[in-house]
Amino acid sequence: MLDDTRTASVRTPLSTRFPQEKRAVLRFFGSDVIELNDELCPAPGAPEGAIAVARQMAKMPDFHMLDQYRNEANPDSHYKTTGPEIWKQTQHKVTHFAAGLGTCGTVTGTGGS
């Protein structure tokens, strides 16, 4: 049973190099966006990177990092859903697929389908 006395919140460290529209959408849905002037973001492990800030925050009480870079369900979800959906919608005739890179979950997951 959920404890109704607590409220869930999301705090998102994010590079200012991410488009303003993405930051606005996160704020619209209630995220506390922590903007970082970060030329290296989202390079995993970079000491000044937003990911490093998130990992530091995850060490604090009541914080948890979902970490899509290390979450095996990230590519697996695209393997089970995105890839088959594309295959079906193209009547099994897709010849090329392009995806933006971040965690690479989309491209590795759909490529294995």
PDB file of N, CA and C in Angstrom:
ATOM      1  N   MET A   1       0.840  -1.183   0.000  1.00  0.00           N
ATOM      2  CA  MET A   1       0.000   0.000   0.000  1.00  0.00           C
ATOM      3  C   MET A   1       0.881   1.240   0.000  1.00  0.00           C
ATOM      4  N   LEU A   2       0.480   2.244  -0.753  1.00  0.00           N
ATOM      5  CA  LEU A   2       1.243   3.476  -0.840  1.00  0.00           C
ATOM      6  C   LEU A   2       1.039   4.336   0.392  1.00  0.00           C
ATOM      7  N   ASP A   3       2.100   4.997   0.803  1.00  0.00           N
ATOM      8  CA  ASP A   3       2.020   5.943   1.908  1.00  0.00           C
ATOM      9  C   ASP A   3       1.588   7.279   1.333  1.00  0.00           C
ATOM     10  N   ASP A   4       0.353   7.685   1.574  1.00  0.00           N
ATOM     11  CA  ASP A   4      -0.187   8.907   0.991  1.00  0.00           C
ATOM     12  C   ASP A   4       0.373  10.174   1.627  1.00  0.00           C
ATOM     13  N   THR A   5       1.158  10.055   2.687  1.00  0.00           N
ATOM     14  CA  THR A   5       1.704  11.245   3.336  1.00  0.00           C
ATOM     15  C   THR A   5       2.946  11.754   2.626  1.00  0.00           C
ATOM     16  N   ARG A   6       3.525  10.966   1.724  1.00  0.00           N
ATOM     17  CA  ARG A   6       4.722  11.381   0.997  1.00  0.00           C
ATOM     18  C   ARG A   6       4.360  11.723  -0.439  1.00  0.00           C
ATOM     19  N   THR A   7       5.066  12.669  -1.002  1.00  0.00           N
ATOM     20  CA  THR A   7       4.858  13.000  -2.401  1.00  0.00           C
ATOM     21  C   THR A   7       6.115  12.640  -3.180  1.00  0.00           C
ATOM     22  N   ALA A   8       5.923  12.096  -4.333  1.00  0.00           N
ATOM     23  CA  ALA A   8       7.052  11.767  -5.196  1.00  0.00           C
ATOM     24  C   ALA A   8       7.459  13.014  -5.952  1.00  0.00           C
ATOM     25  N   SER A   9       8.748  13.171  -6.142  1.00  0.00           N
ATOM     26  CA  SER A   9       9.226  14.291  -6.944  1.00  0.00           C
ATOM     27  C   SER A   9      10.419  13.830  -7.766  1.00  0.00           C
ATOM     28  N   VAL A  10      10.673  14.569  -8.818  1.00  0.00           N
ATOM     29  CA  VAL A  10      11.782  14.247  -9.704  1.00  0.00           C
ATOM     30  C   VAL A  10      12.706  15.455  -9.757  1.00  0.00           C
ATOM     31  N   ARG A  11      13.967  15.201  -9.551  1.00  0.00           N
ATOM     32  CA  ARG A  11      14.988  16.237  -9.694  1.00  0.00           C
ATOM     33  C   ARG A  11      15.903  15.785 -10.817  1.00  0.00           C
ATOM     34  N   THR A  12      16.071  16.623 -11.827  1.00  0.00           N
ATOM     35  CA  THR A  12      16.790  16.241 -13.033  1.00  0.00           C
ATOM     36  C   THR A  12      17.971  17.171 -13.294  1.00  0.00           C
ATOM     37  N   PRO A  13      19.203  16.723 -12.997  1.00  0.00           N
ATOM     38  CA  PRO A  13      20.365  17.513 -13.423  1.00  0.00           C
ATOM     39  C   PRO A  13      20.489  17.393 -14.938  1.00  0.00           C
ATOM     40  N   LEU A  14      20.599  18.512 -15.627  1.00  0.00           N
ATOM     41  CA  LEU A  14      20.570  18.482 -17.084  1.00  0.00           C
ATOM     42  C   LEU A  14      21.452  19.588 -17.646  1.00  0.00           C
ATOM     43  N   SER A  15      22.186  19.262 -18.678  1.00  0.00           N
ATOM     44  CA  SER A  15      23.039  20.227 -19.337  1.00  0.00           C
ATOM     45  C   SER A  15      22.210  21.313 -20.010  1.00  0.00           C
ATOM     46  N   THR A  16      22.716  22.521 -19.973  1.00  0.00           N
ATOM     47  CA  THR A  16      22.054  23.619 -20.685  1.00  0.00           C
ATOM     48  C   THR A  16      22.151  23.426 -22.193  1.00  0.00           C
ATOM     49  N   ARG A  17      22.955  22.468 -22.632  1.00  0.00           N
ATOM     50  CA  ARG A  17      23.073  22.172 -24.062  1.00  0.00           C
ATOM     51  C   ARG A  17      21.876  21.358 -24.559  1.00  0.00           C
ATOM     52  N   PHE A  18      21.082  20.796 -23.639  1.00  0.00           N
ATOM     53  CA  PHE A  18      19.841  20.139 -24.040  1.00  0.00           C
ATOM     54  C   PHE A  18      18.875  21.221 -24.496  1.00  0.00           C
ATOM     55  N   PRO A  19      18.064  20.943 -25.497  1.00  0.00           N
ATOM     56  CA  PRO A  19      17.138  21.965 -26.003  1.00  0.00           C
ATOM     57  C   PRO A  19      16.223  22.513 -24.907  1.00  0.00           C
ATOM     58  N   GLN A  20      15.977  23.801 -24.980  1.00  0.00           N
ATOM     59  CA  GLN A  20      15.098  24.477 -24.024  1.00  0.00           C
ATOM     60  C   GLN A  20      13.728  23.807 -23.979  1.00  0.00           C
ATOM     61  N   GLU A  21      13.252  23.302 -25.125  1.00  0.00           N
ATOM     62  CA  GLU A  21      11.935  22.656 -25.167  1.00  0.00           C
ATOM     63  C   GLU A  21      11.894  21.419 -24.275  1.00  0.00           C
ATOM     64  N   LYS A  22      12.961  20.628 -24.273  1.00  0.00           N
ATOM     65  CA  LYS A  22      13.001  19.435 -23.415  1.00  0.00           C
ATOM     66  C   LYS A  22      12.983  19.827 -21.953  1.00  0.00           C
ATOM     67  N   ARG A  23      13.735  20.862 -21.612  1.00  0.00           N
ATOM     68  CA  ARG A  23      13.754  21.323 -20.221  1.00  0.00           C
ATOM     69  C   ARG A  23      12.384  21.855 -19.824  1.00  0.00           C
ATOM     70  N   ALA A  24      11.713  22.552 -20.754  1.00  0.00           N
ATOM     71  CA  ALA A  24      10.376  23.086 -20.469  1.00  0.00           C
ATOM     72  C   ALA A  24       9.364  21.968 -20.251  1.00  0.00           C
ATOM     73  N   VAL A  25       9.445  20.918 -21.060  1.00  0.00           N
ATOM     74  CA  VAL A  25       8.522  19.782 -20.899  1.00  0.00           C
ATOM     75  C   VAL A  25       8.741  19.111 -19.542  1.00  0.00           C
ATOM     76  N   LEU A  26       9.996  18.915 -19.165  1.00  0.00           N
ATOM     77  CA  LEU A  26      10.284  18.319 -17.856  1.00  0.00           C
ATOM     78  C   LEU A  26       9.693  19.164 -16.734  1.00  0.00           C
ATOM     79  N   ARG A  27       9.855  20.473 -16.830  1.00  0.00           N
ATOM     80  CA  ARG A  27       9.289  21.369 -15.810  1.00  0.00           C
ATOM     81  C   ARG A  27       7.763  21.319 -15.821  1.00  0.00           C
ATOM     82  N   PHE A  28       7.181  21.270 -17.022  1.00  0.00           N
ATOM     83  CA  PHE A  28       5.726  21.214 -17.143  1.00  0.00           C
ATOM     84  C   PHE A  28       5.169  20.012 -16.382  1.00  0.00           C
ATOM     85  N   PHE A  29       5.871  18.877 -16.467  1.00  0.00           N
ATOM     86  CA  PHE A  29       5.402  17.673 -15.784  1.00  0.00           C
ATOM     87  C   PHE A  29       5.890  17.584 -14.348  1.00  0.00           C
ATOM     88  N   GLY A  30       6.478  18.664 -13.826  1.00  0.00           N
ATOM     89  CA  GLY A  30       6.771  18.742 -12.403  1.00  0.00           C
ATOM     90  C   GLY A  30       8.199  18.470 -11.987  1.00  0.00           C
ATOM     91  N   SER A  31       9.103  18.282 -12.924  1.00  0.00           N
ATOM     92  CA  SER A  31      10.483  18.020 -12.551  1.00  0.00           C
ATOM     93  C   SER A  31      11.183  19.302 -12.113  1.00  0.00           C
ATOM     94  N   ASP A  32      12.028  19.170 -11.103  1.00  0.00           N
ATOM     95  CA  ASP A  32      12.923  20.243 -10.682  1.00  0.00           C
ATOM     96  C   ASP A  32      14.176  20.091 -11.528  1.00  0.00           C
ATOM     97  N   VAL A  33      14.297  20.882 -12.588  1.00  0.00           N
ATOM     98  CA  VAL A  33      15.425  20.774 -13.511  1.00  0.00           C
ATOM     99  C   VAL A  33      16.588  21.600 -12.963  1.00  0.00           C
ATOM    100  N   ILE A  34      17.709  20.922 -12.741  1.00  0.00           N
ATOM    101  CA  ILE A  34      18.924  21.579 -12.284  1.00  0.00           C
ATOM    102  C   ILE A  34      19.776  21.802 -13.521  1.00  0.00           C
ATOM    103  N   GLU A  35      19.866  23.046 -13.964  1.00  0.00           N
ATOM    104  CA  GLU A  35      20.590  23.350 -15.194  1.00  0.00           C
ATOM    105  C   GLU A  35      22.081  23.491 -14.912  1.00  0.00           C
ATOM    106  N   LEU A  36      22.875  22.762 -15.682  1.00  0.00           N
ATOM    107  CA  LEU A  36      24.321  22.777 -15.525  1.00  0.00           C
ATOM    108  C   LEU A  36      24.969  23.261 -16.813  1.00  0.00           C
ATOM    109  N   ASN A  37      25.905  24.176 -16.697  1.00  0.00           N
ATOM    110  CA  ASN A  37      26.688  24.601 -17.847  1.00  0.00           C
ATOM    111  C   ASN A  37      27.737  23.527 -18.039  1.00  0.00           C
ATOM    112  N   ASP A  38      27.464  22.603 -18.923  1.00  0.00           N
ATOM    113  CA  ASP A  38      28.205  21.353 -18.971  1.00  0.00           C
ATOM    114  C   ASP A  38      28.506  20.967 -20.412  1.00  0.00           C
ATOM    115  N   GLU A  39      29.694  21.269 -20.872  1.00  0.00           N
ATOM    116  CA  GLU A  39      30.084  20.966 -22.244  1.00  0.00           C
ATOM    117  C   GLU A  39      30.185  19.463 -22.509  1.00  0.00           C
ATOM    118  N   LEU A  40      30.395  18.655 -21.475  1.00  0.00           N
ATOM    119  CA  LEU A  40      30.625  17.225 -21.664  1.00  0.00           C
ATOM    120  C   LEU A  40      29.375  16.372 -21.516  1.00  0.00           C
ATOM    121  N   CYS A  41      28.307  16.944 -21.029  1.00  0.00           N
ATOM    122  CA  CYS A  41      27.092  16.174 -20.799  1.00  0.00           C
ATOM    123  C   CYS A  41      26.547  15.661 -22.122  1.00  0.00           C
ATOM    124  N   PRO A  42      26.051  14.470 -22.230  1.00  0.00           N
ATOM    125  CA  PRO A  42      25.850  13.509 -21.154  1.00  0.00           C
ATOM    126  C   PRO A  42      26.924  12.427 -21.079  1.00  0.00           C
ATOM    127  N   ALA A  43      28.191  12.787 -21.133  1.00  0.00           N
ATOM    128  CA  ALA A  43      29.262  11.798 -21.075  1.00  0.00           C
ATOM    129  C   ALA A  43      29.261  11.091 -19.723  1.00  0.00           C
ATOM    130  N   PRO A  44      28.969   9.785 -19.709  1.00  0.00           N
ATOM    131  CA  PRO A  44      28.925   9.057 -18.430  1.00  0.00           C
ATOM    132  C   PRO A  44      30.263   9.132 -17.705  1.00  0.00           C
ATOM    133  N   GLY A  45      30.192   9.442 -16.414  1.00  0.00           N
ATOM    134  CA  GLY A  45      31.383   9.439 -15.582  1.00  0.00           C
ATOM    135  C   GLY A  45      32.201  10.707 -15.626  1.00  0.00           C
ATOM    136  N   ALA A  46      31.883  11.647 -16.506  1.00  0.00           N
ATOM    137  CA  ALA A  46      32.634  12.892 -16.542  1.00  0.00           C
ATOM    138  C   ALA A  46      32.425  13.617 -15.210  1.00  0.00           C
ATOM    139  N   PRO A  47      33.499  14.027 -14.544  1.00  0.00           N
ATOM    140  CA  PRO A  47      33.344  14.584 -13.202  1.00  0.00           C
ATOM    141  C   PRO A  47      32.416  15.786 -13.140  1.00  0.00           C
ATOM    142  N   GLU A  48      32.388  16.591 -14.188  1.00  0.00           N
ATOM    143  CA  GLU A  48      31.512  17.756 -14.175  1.00  0.00           C
ATOM    144  C   GLU A  48      30.194  17.489 -14.890  1.00  0.00           C
ATOM    145  N   GLY A  49      29.973  16.277 -15.323  1.00  0.00           N
ATOM    146  CA  GLY A  49      28.778  15.949 -16.086  1.00  0.00           C
ATOM    147  C   GLY A  49      27.522  15.852 -15.237  1.00  0.00           C
ATOM    148  N   ALA A  50      26.381  16.045 -15.890  1.00  0.00           N
ATOM    149  CA  ALA A  50      25.091  15.944 -15.212  1.00  0.00           C
ATOM    150  C   ALA A  50      24.875  14.542 -14.650  1.00  0.00           C
ATOM    151  N   ILE A  51      25.409  13.542 -15.331  1.00  0.00           N
ATOM    152  CA  ILE A  51      25.258  12.172 -14.844  1.00  0.00           C
ATOM    153  C   ILE A  51      26.024  12.000 -13.533  1.00  0.00           C
ATOM    154  N   ALA A  52      27.207  12.586 -13.452  1.00  0.00           N
ATOM    155  CA  ALA A  52      27.983  12.518 -12.212  1.00  0.00           C
ATOM    156  C   ALA A  52      27.239  13.225 -11.083  1.00  0.00           C
ATOM    157  N   VAL A  53      26.595  14.342 -11.382  1.00  0.00           N
ATOM    158  CA  VAL A  53      25.807  15.055 -10.371  1.00  0.00           C
ATOM    159  C   VAL A  53      24.648  14.176  -9.908  1.00  0.00           C
ATOM    160  N   ALA A  54      23.981  13.525 -10.842  1.00  0.00           N
ATOM    161  CA  ALA A  54      22.870  12.636 -10.489  1.00  0.00           C
ATOM    162  C   ALA A  54      23.360  11.475  -9.624  1.00  0.00           C
ATOM    163  N   ARG A  55      24.518  10.921  -9.942  1.00  0.00           N
ATOM    164  CA  ARG A  55      25.057   9.814  -9.141  1.00  0.00           C
ATOM    165  C   ARG A  55      25.403  10.271  -7.728  1.00  0.00           C
ATOM    166  N   GLN A  56      25.895  11.489  -7.600  1.00  0.00           N
ATOM    167  CA  GLN A  56      26.163  12.028  -6.265  1.00  0.00           C
ATOM    168  C   GLN A  56      24.859  12.204  -5.492  1.00  0.00           C
ATOM    169  N   MET A  57      23.835  12.717  -6.165  1.00  0.00           N
ATOM    170  CA  MET A  57      22.537  12.910  -5.517  1.00  0.00           C
ATOM    171  C   MET A  57      21.947  11.576  -5.080  1.00  0.00           C
ATOM    172  N   ALA A  58      22.188  10.533  -5.869  1.00  0.00           N
ATOM    173  CA  ALA A  58      21.627   9.208  -5.560  1.00  0.00           C
ATOM    174  C   ALA A  58      22.197   8.634  -4.273  1.00  0.00           C
ATOM    175  N   LYS A  59      23.316   9.141  -3.813  1.00  0.00           N
ATOM    176  CA  LYS A  59      23.915   8.681  -2.557  1.00  0.00           C
ATOM    177  C   LYS A  59      23.238   9.293  -1.339  1.00  0.00           C
ATOM    178  N   MET A  60      22.423  10.328  -1.565  1.00  0.00           N
ATOM    179  CA  MET A  60      21.741  11.008  -0.474  1.00  0.00           C
ATOM    180  C   MET A  60      20.492  10.231  -0.066  1.00  0.00           C
ATOM    181  N   PRO A  61      20.082  10.363   1.195  1.00  0.00           N
ATOM    182  CA  PRO A  61      18.852   9.692   1.641  1.00  0.00           C
ATOM    183  C   PRO A  61      17.645  10.151   0.815  1.00  0.00           C
ATOM    184  N   ASP A  62      16.757   9.237   0.539  1.00  0.00           N
ATOM    185  CA  ASP A  62      15.507   9.493  -0.182  1.00  0.00           C
ATOM    186  C   ASP A  62      15.696   9.841  -1.662  1.00  0.00           C
ATOM    187  N   PHE A  63      16.889   9.613  -2.210  1.00  0.00           N
ATOM    188  CA  PHE A  63      17.119   9.828  -3.633  1.00  0.00           C
ATOM    189  C   PHE A  63      17.387   8.482  -4.287  1.00  0.00           C
ATOM    190  N   HIS A  64      16.951   8.348  -5.517  1.00  0.00           N
ATOM    191  CA  HIS A  64      17.190   7.128  -6.283  1.00  0.00           C
ATOM    192  C   HIS A  64      17.434   7.522  -7.729  1.00  0.00           C
ATOM    193  N   MET A  65      18.427   6.905  -8.341  1.00  0.00           N
ATOM    194  CA  MET A  65      18.726   7.193  -9.742  1.00  0.00           C
ATOM    195  C   MET A  65      18.305   6.003 -10.591  1.00  0.00           C
ATOM    196  N   LEU A  66      17.468   6.253 -11.582  1.00  0.00           N
ATOM    197  CA  LEU A  66      17.016   5.175 -12.458  1.00  0.00           C
ATOM    198  C   LEU A  66      18.127   4.707 -13.382  1.00  0.00           C
ATOM    199  N   ASP A  67      19.000   5.583 -13.793  1.00  0.00           N
ATOM    200  CA  ASP A  67      20.217   5.306 -14.565  1.00  0.00           C
ATOM    201  C   ASP A  67      19.974   4.461 -15.807  1.00  0.00           C
ATOM    202  N   GLN A  68      19.410   5.068 -16.824  1.00  0.00           N
ATOM    203  CA  GLN A  68      19.129   4.347 -18.067  1.00  0.00           C
ATOM    204  C   GLN A  68      20.398   3.879 -18.764  1.00  0.00           C
ATOM    205  N   TYR A  69      21.567   4.455 -18.398  1.00  0.00           N
ATOM    206  CA  TYR A  69      22.819   3.992 -18.989  1.00  0.00           C
ATOM    207  C   TYR A  69      23.196   2.590 -18.499  1.00  0.00           C
ATOM    208  N   ARG A  70      22.765   2.232 -17.306  1.00  0.00           N
ATOM    209  CA  ARG A  70      23.109   0.931 -16.725  1.00  0.00           C
ATOM    210  C   ARG A  70      21.905   0.011 -16.560  1.00  0.00           C
ATOM    211  N   ASN A  71      20.753   0.433 -17.018  1.00  0.00           N
ATOM    212  CA  ASN A  71      19.520  -0.328 -16.842  1.00  0.00           C
ATOM    213  C   ASN A  71      19.322  -1.261 -18.033  1.00  0.00           C
ATOM    214  N   GLU A  72      19.424  -2.565 -17.799  1.00  0.00           N
ATOM    215  CA  GLU A  72      19.275  -3.545 -18.873  1.00  0.00           C
ATOM    216  C   GLU A  72      17.883  -3.525 -19.499  1.00  0.00           C
ATOM    217  N   ALA A  73      16.911  -3.001 -18.774  1.00  0.00           N
ATOM    218  CA  ALA A  73      15.556  -2.921 -19.323  1.00  0.00           C
ATOM    219  C   ALA A  73      15.463  -1.864 -20.422  1.00  0.00           C
ATOM    220  N   ASN A  74      16.430  -0.952 -20.501  1.00  0.00           N
ATOM    221  CA  ASN A  74      16.402   0.100 -21.519  1.00  0.00           C
ATOM    222  C   ASN A  74      16.439  -0.509 -22.925  1.00  0.00           C
ATOM    223  N   PRO A  75      17.509  -1.200 -23.336  1.00  0.00           N
ATOM    224  CA  PRO A  75      17.476  -1.790 -24.688  1.00  0.00           C
ATOM    225  C   PRO A  75      16.452  -2.921 -24.801  1.00  0.00           C
ATOM    226  N   ASP A  76      16.227  -3.640 -23.716  1.00  0.00           N
ATOM    227  CA  ASP A  76      15.288  -4.762 -23.748  1.00  0.00           C
ATOM    228  C   ASP A  76      13.870  -4.299 -24.077  1.00  0.00           C
ATOM    229  N   SER A  77      13.491  -3.126 -23.573  1.00  0.00           N
ATOM    230  CA  SER A  77      12.139  -2.625 -23.865  1.00  0.00           C
ATOM    231  C   SER A  77      11.989  -2.316 -25.353  1.00  0.00           C
ATOM    232  N   HIS A  78      13.048  -1.818 -25.989  1.00  0.00           N
ATOM    233  CA  HIS A  78      12.988  -1.548 -27.428  1.00  0.00           C
ATOM    234  C   HIS A  78      13.039  -2.848 -28.236  1.00  0.00           C
ATOM    235  N   TYR A  79      13.734  -3.839 -27.706  1.00  0.00           N
ATOM    236  CA  TYR A  79      13.780  -5.154 -28.357  1.00  0.00           C
ATOM    237  C   TYR A  79      12.387  -5.782 -28.375  1.00  0.00           C
ATOM    238  N   LYS A  80      11.673  -5.625 -27.256  1.00  0.00           N
ATOM    239  CA  LYS A  80      10.361  -6.259 -27.124  1.00  0.00           C
ATOM    240  C   LYS A  80       9.221  -5.443 -27.731  1.00  0.00           C
ATOM    241  N   THR A  81       9.392  -4.124 -27.847  1.00  0.00           N
ATOM    242  CA  THR A  81       8.265  -3.293 -28.293  1.00  0.00           C
ATOM    243  C   THR A  81       8.571  -2.470 -29.539  1.00  0.00           C
ATOM    244  N   THR A  82       9.571  -1.616 -29.488  1.00  0.00           N
ATOM    245  CA  THR A  82       9.834  -0.691 -30.592  1.00  0.00           C
ATOM    246  C   THR A  82      10.199  -1.419 -31.880  1.00  0.00           C
ATOM    247  N   GLY A  83      11.152  -2.350 -31.789  1.00  0.00           N
ATOM    248  CA  GLY A  83      11.566  -3.102 -32.980  1.00  0.00           C
ATOM    249  C   GLY A  83      10.418  -3.841 -33.635  1.00  0.00           C
ATOM    250  N   PRO A  84       9.671  -4.675 -32.890  1.00  0.00           N
ATOM    251  CA  PRO A  84       8.533  -5.368 -33.498  1.00  0.00           C
ATOM    252  C   PRO A  84       7.460  -4.423 -34.041  1.00  0.00           C
ATOM    253  N   GLU A  85       7.256  -3.290 -33.374  1.00  0.00           N
ATOM    254  CA  GLU A  85       6.259  -2.331 -33.868  1.00  0.00           C
ATOM    255  C   GLU A  85       6.681  -1.759 -35.224  1.00  0.00           C
ATOM    256  N   ILE A  86       7.954  -1.391 -35.353  1.00  0.00           N
ATOM    257  CA  ILE A  86       8.452  -0.871 -36.635  1.00  0.00           C
ATOM    258  C   ILE A  86       8.338  -1.940 -37.711  1.00  0.00           C
ATOM    259  N   TRP A  87       8.733  -3.159 -37.390  1.00  0.00           N
ATOM    260  CA  TRP A  87       8.681  -4.270 -38.342  1.00  0.00           C
ATOM    261  C   TRP A  87       7.258  -4.498 -38.834  1.00  0.00           C
ATOM    262  N   LYS A  88       6.307  -4.485 -37.893  1.00  0.00           N
ATOM    263  CA  LYS A  88       4.907  -4.709 -38.249  1.00  0.00           C
ATOM    264  C   LYS A  88       4.352  -3.551 -39.081  1.00  0.00           C
ATOM    265  N   GLN A  89       4.636  -2.312 -38.671  1.00  0.00           N
ATOM    266  CA  GLN A  89       4.072  -1.144 -39.363  1.00  0.00           C
ATOM    267  C   GLN A  89       4.650  -0.957 -40.758  1.00  0.00           C
ATOM    268  N   THR A  90       5.812  -1.532 -41.034  1.00  0.00           N
ATOM    269  CA  THR A  90       6.392  -1.423 -42.382  1.00  0.00           C
ATOM    270  C   THR A  90       6.116  -2.681 -43.204  1.00  0.00           C
ATOM    271  N   GLN A  91       5.206  -3.517 -42.731  1.00  0.00           N
ATOM    272  CA  GLN A  91       4.848  -4.771 -43.389  1.00  0.00           C
ATOM    273  C   GLN A  91       6.105  -5.606 -43.695  1.00  0.00           C
ATOM    274  N   HIS A  92       7.035  -5.628 -42.724  1.00  0.00           N
ATOM    275  CA  HIS A  92       8.259  -6.436 -42.792  1.00  0.00           C
ATOM    276  C   HIS A  92       9.189  -5.990 -43.913  1.00  0.00           C
ATOM    277  N   LYS A  93       9.115  -4.712 -44.284  1.00  0.00           N
ATOM    278  CA  LYS A  93       9.910  -4.226 -45.410  1.00  0.00           C
ATOM    279  C   LYS A  93      10.889  -3.119 -45.029  1.00  0.00           C
ATOM    280  N   VAL A  94      11.041  -2.842 -43.754  1.00  0.00           N
ATOM    281  CA  VAL A  94      11.972  -1.785 -43.359  1.00  0.00           C
ATOM    282  C   VAL A  94      13.388  -2.154 -43.802  1.00  0.00           C
ATOM    283  N   THR A  95      14.083  -1.189 -44.388  1.00  0.00           N
ATOM    284  CA  THR A  95      15.455  -1.440 -44.844  1.00  0.00           C
ATOM    285  C   THR A  95      16.476  -0.572 -44.119  1.00  0.00           C
ATOM    286  N   HIS A  96      16.018   0.551 -43.553  1.00  0.00           N
ATOM    287  CA  HIS A  96      16.918   1.452 -42.847  1.00  0.00           C
ATOM    288  C   HIS A  96      16.240   1.941 -41.571  1.00  0.00           C
ATOM    289  N   PHE A  97      17.045   2.206 -40.569  1.00  0.00           N
ATOM    290  CA  PHE A  97      16.524   2.744 -39.311  1.00  0.00           C
ATOM    291  C   PHE A  97      17.533   3.743 -38.773  1.00  0.00           C
ATOM    292  N   ALA A  98      17.083   4.914 -38.421  1.00  0.00           N
ATOM    293  CA  ALA A  98      17.955   5.942 -37.839  1.00  0.00           C
ATOM    294  C   ALA A  98      17.415   6.299 -36.464  1.00  0.00           C
ATOM    295  N   ALA A  99      18.320   6.450 -35.516  1.00  0.00           N
ATOM    296  CA  ALA A  99      17.929   6.821 -34.153  1.00  0.00           C
ATOM    297  C   ALA A  99      18.962   7.774 -33.587  1.00  0.00           C
ATOM    298  N   GLY A 100      18.492   8.720 -32.801  1.00  0.00           N
ATOM    299  CA  GLY A 100      19.406   9.605 -32.094  1.00  0.00           C
ATOM    300  C   GLY A 100      20.112   8.816 -31.005  1.00  0.00           C
ATOM    301  N   LEU A 101      21.327   9.217 -30.692  1.00  0.00           N
ATOM    302  CA  LEU A 101      22.082   8.487 -29.679  1.00  0.00           C
ATOM    303  C   LEU A 101      22.073   9.226 -28.358  1.00  0.00           C
ATOM    304  N   GLY A 102      21.910   8.493 -27.326  1.00  0.00           N
ATOM    305  CA  GLY A 102      21.996   8.975 -25.948  1.00  0.00           C
ATOM    306  C   GLY A 102      22.575   7.815 -25.178  1.00  0.00           C
ATOM    307  N   THR A 103      21.702   6.969 -24.677  1.00  0.00           N
ATOM    308  CA  THR A 103      22.138   5.764 -23.981  1.00  0.00           C
ATOM    309  C   THR A 103      22.384   4.632 -24.956  1.00  0.00           C
ATOM    310  N   CYS A 104      21.945   4.764 -26.185  1.00  0.00           N
ATOM    311  CA  CYS A 104      22.020   3.755 -27.246  1.00  0.00           C
ATOM    312  C   CYS A 104      21.038   2.606 -27.031  1.00  0.00           C
ATOM    313  N   GLY A 105      20.124   2.746 -26.082  1.00  0.00           N
ATOM    314  CA  GLY A 105      19.124   1.714 -25.823  1.00  0.00           C
ATOM    315  C   GLY A 105      18.199   1.483 -27.007  1.00  0.00           C
ATOM    316  N   THR A 106      17.808   2.550 -27.687  1.00  0.00           N
ATOM    317  CA  THR A 106      16.909   2.410 -28.831  1.00  0.00           C
ATOM    318  C   THR A 106      17.578   1.668 -29.964  1.00  0.00           C
ATOM    319  N   VAL A 107      18.775   2.107 -30.350  1.00  0.00           N
ATOM    320  CA  VAL A 107      19.430   1.509 -31.504  1.00  0.00           C
ATOM    321  C   VAL A 107      19.862   0.063 -31.228  1.00  0.00           C
ATOM    322  N   THR A 108      20.335  -0.242 -30.029  1.00  0.00           N
ATOM    323  CA  THR A 108      20.742  -1.622 -29.749  1.00  0.00           C
ATOM    324  C   THR A 108      19.534  -2.529 -29.564  1.00  0.00           C
ATOM    325  N   GLY A 109      18.480  -2.014 -28.955  1.00  0.00           N
ATOM    326  CA  GLY A 109      17.276  -2.816 -28.749  1.00  0.00           C
ATOM    327  C   GLY A 109      16.544  -3.118 -30.031  1.00  0.00           C
ATOM    328  N   THR A 110      16.327  -2.106 -30.858  1.00  0.00           N
ATOM    329  CA  THR A 110      15.610  -2.344 -32.106  1.00  0.00           C
ATOM    330  C   THR A 110      16.468  -3.150 -33.074  1.00  0.00           C
ATOM    331  N   GLY A 111      17.773  -2.981 -33.023  1.00  0.00           N
ATOM    332  CA  GLY A 111      18.664  -3.727 -33.910  1.00  0.00           C
ATOM    333  C   GLY A 111      18.680  -5.215 -33.619  1.00  0.00           C
ATOM    334  N   GLY A 112      18.343  -5.581 -32.410  1.00  0.00           N
ATOM    335  CA  GLY A 112      18.337  -6.993 -32.055  1.00  0.00           C
ATOM    336  C   GLY A 112      17.016  -7.670 -32.321  1.00  0.00           C
ATOM    337  N   SER A 113      16.005  -6.881 -32.698  1.00  0.00           N
ATOM    338  CA  SER A 113      14.670  -7.442 -32.911  1.00  0.00           C
ATOM    339  C   SER A 113      14.585  -8.204 -34.207  1.00  0.00           C
TER     340      SER A 113
END
